[in-house]
Amino acid sequence: MKKFKPITVSEAERLIETCAPRILDCRELKDYRAGHIGEAMNLHKRLRETLILNGDKQCIYCYYGHASVHVAEMSCDFGFSDVFSLSGGYAGWKKFYQQLPS
């Protein structure tokens, strides 16, 4: 049974607007630097260790939504209860915004 909740881009937007979760990008640093969601933090090893001590809501994403599932499961295993994984990942986020009229 999944302990985290997979969410769509629209659901992630509402979550970010209403709950201000910690947004975690689990892609490679070079990809994070090339572009990321708003106030996202790159999930490097030291940050993971710090997060274990702080129980904030987490919205986690990766390239396409596959690796973030594993990171979300790991967060739940560490005791976090408000964990979300962005379905479609950063690619889905970008695609969603490219389809919006300007």
Protein backbone atom coordinates (compact mmCIF):
# COMPACT_ATOMS: atom_id res chain seq x y z
CA MET A 1 0.00 0.00 0.00
CA LYS A 2 1.31 3.44 -0.98
CA LYS A 3 1.80 5.86 1.88
CA PHE A 4 2.31 8.85 -0.41
CA LYS A 5 -0.14 10.40 -2.84
CA PRO A 6 0.60 10.69 -6.58
CA ILE A 7 -0.71 14.06 -7.81
CA THR A 8 -1.24 15.80 -11.14
CA VAL A 9 0.25 19.16 -12.14
CA SER A 10 -3.05 20.89 -11.31
CA GLU A 11 -3.17 19.24 -7.90
CA ALA A 12 0.48 20.17 -7.30
CA GLU A 13 -0.30 23.80 -8.12
CA ARG A 14 -3.15 23.86 -5.59
CA LEU A 15 -0.95 22.16 -2.99
CA ILE A 16 1.82 24.70 -3.55
CA GLU A 17 -0.60 27.64 -3.37
CA THR A 18 -2.49 26.46 -0.28
CA CYS A 19 0.02 24.49 1.80
CA ALA A 20 3.46 25.75 0.71
CA PRO A 21 5.06 22.27 0.84
CA ARG A 22 8.76 21.71 0.59
CA ILE A 23 9.28 21.04 -3.16
CA LEU A 24 12.06 18.54 -3.80
CA ASP A 25 13.70 17.91 -7.17
CA CYS A 26 15.41 14.49 -7.19
CA ARG A 27 16.99 14.91 -10.64
CA GLU A 28 20.70 15.41 -11.29
CA LEU A 29 22.08 18.81 -10.22
CA LYS A 30 22.82 19.80 -13.84
CA ASP A 31 19.18 19.23 -14.77
CA TYR A 32 17.97 21.14 -11.72
CA ARG A 33 20.19 24.06 -12.71
CA ALA A 34 18.79 23.95 -16.27
CA GLY A 35 15.27 24.49 -14.92
CA HIS A 36 13.09 23.57 -11.98
CA ILE A 37 9.69 24.24 -10.40
CA GLY A 38 9.48 27.53 -8.51
CA GLU A 39 11.07 27.26 -5.08
CA ALA A 40 12.19 23.64 -5.51
CA MET A 41 15.33 22.42 -3.79
CA ASN A 42 17.65 19.87 -5.33
CA LEU A 43 17.54 16.73 -3.19
CA HIS A 44 21.20 16.04 -2.56
CA LYS A 45 22.53 13.80 0.21
CA ARG A 46 23.00 16.50 2.89
CA LEU A 47 19.52 17.87 2.26
CA ARG A 48 18.02 14.37 2.64
CA GLU A 49 19.74 14.04 6.02
CA THR A 50 18.42 17.46 7.10
CA LEU A 51 14.88 16.65 5.98
CA ILE A 52 14.80 13.59 8.19
CA LEU A 53 14.87 15.99 11.14
CA ASN A 54 12.11 18.30 9.83
CA GLY A 55 8.57 17.04 9.26
CA ASP A 56 7.23 19.30 6.51
CA LYS A 57 4.85 18.47 3.68
CA GLN A 58 6.85 17.26 0.68
CA CYS A 59 6.05 17.45 -3.02
CA ILE A 60 8.69 15.39 -4.84
CA TYR A 61 9.36 15.22 -8.57
CA CYS A 62 11.94 13.84 -11.00
CA TYR A 63 12.20 13.69 -14.81
CA TYR A 64 9.04 11.72 -15.60
CA GLY A 65 7.56 10.72 -12.24
CA HIS A 66 9.24 7.34 -11.75
CA ALA A 67 12.22 8.01 -9.45
CA SER A 68 10.17 10.40 -7.32
CA VAL A 69 7.90 7.49 -6.39
CA HIS A 70 10.86 5.73 -4.77
CA VAL A 71 12.00 8.89 -3.00
CA ALA A 72 8.43 9.48 -1.76
CA GLU A 73 8.28 5.91 -0.44
CA MET A 74 11.60 6.46 1.32
CA SER A 75 10.29 9.68 2.89
CA CYS A 76 7.26 7.79 4.19
CA ASP A 77 9.56 5.12 5.59
CA PHE A 78 11.41 7.88 7.47
CA GLY A 79 8.14 8.89 9.09
CA PHE A 80 6.87 11.73 6.91
CA SER A 81 3.11 11.62 6.53
CA ASP A 82 2.31 14.42 4.05
CA VAL A 83 4.25 13.22 1.00
CA PHE A 84 3.24 13.75 -2.64
CA SER A 85 4.86 12.57 -5.88
CA LEU A 86 4.25 14.62 -9.05
CA SER A 87 2.87 12.28 -11.71
CA GLY A 88 4.59 12.98 -15.02
CA GLY A 89 7.49 14.71 -13.27
CA TYR A 90 9.14 17.89 -14.50
CA ALA A 91 8.44 16.89 -18.12
CA GLY A 92 4.72 16.78 -17.35
CA TRP A 93 4.94 20.13 -15.55
CA LYS A 94 6.62 21.79 -18.54
CA LYS A 95 4.20 20.18 -21.01
CA PHE A 96 1.22 21.40 -18.97
CA TYR A 97 2.48 24.99 -19.08
CA GLN A 98 3.35 24.83 -22.78
CA GLN A 99 -0.28 23.92 -23.54
CA LEU A 100 -1.71 26.93 -21.70
CA PRO A 101 -2.73 29.91 -23.84
CA SER A 102 -0.50 32.92 -23.35
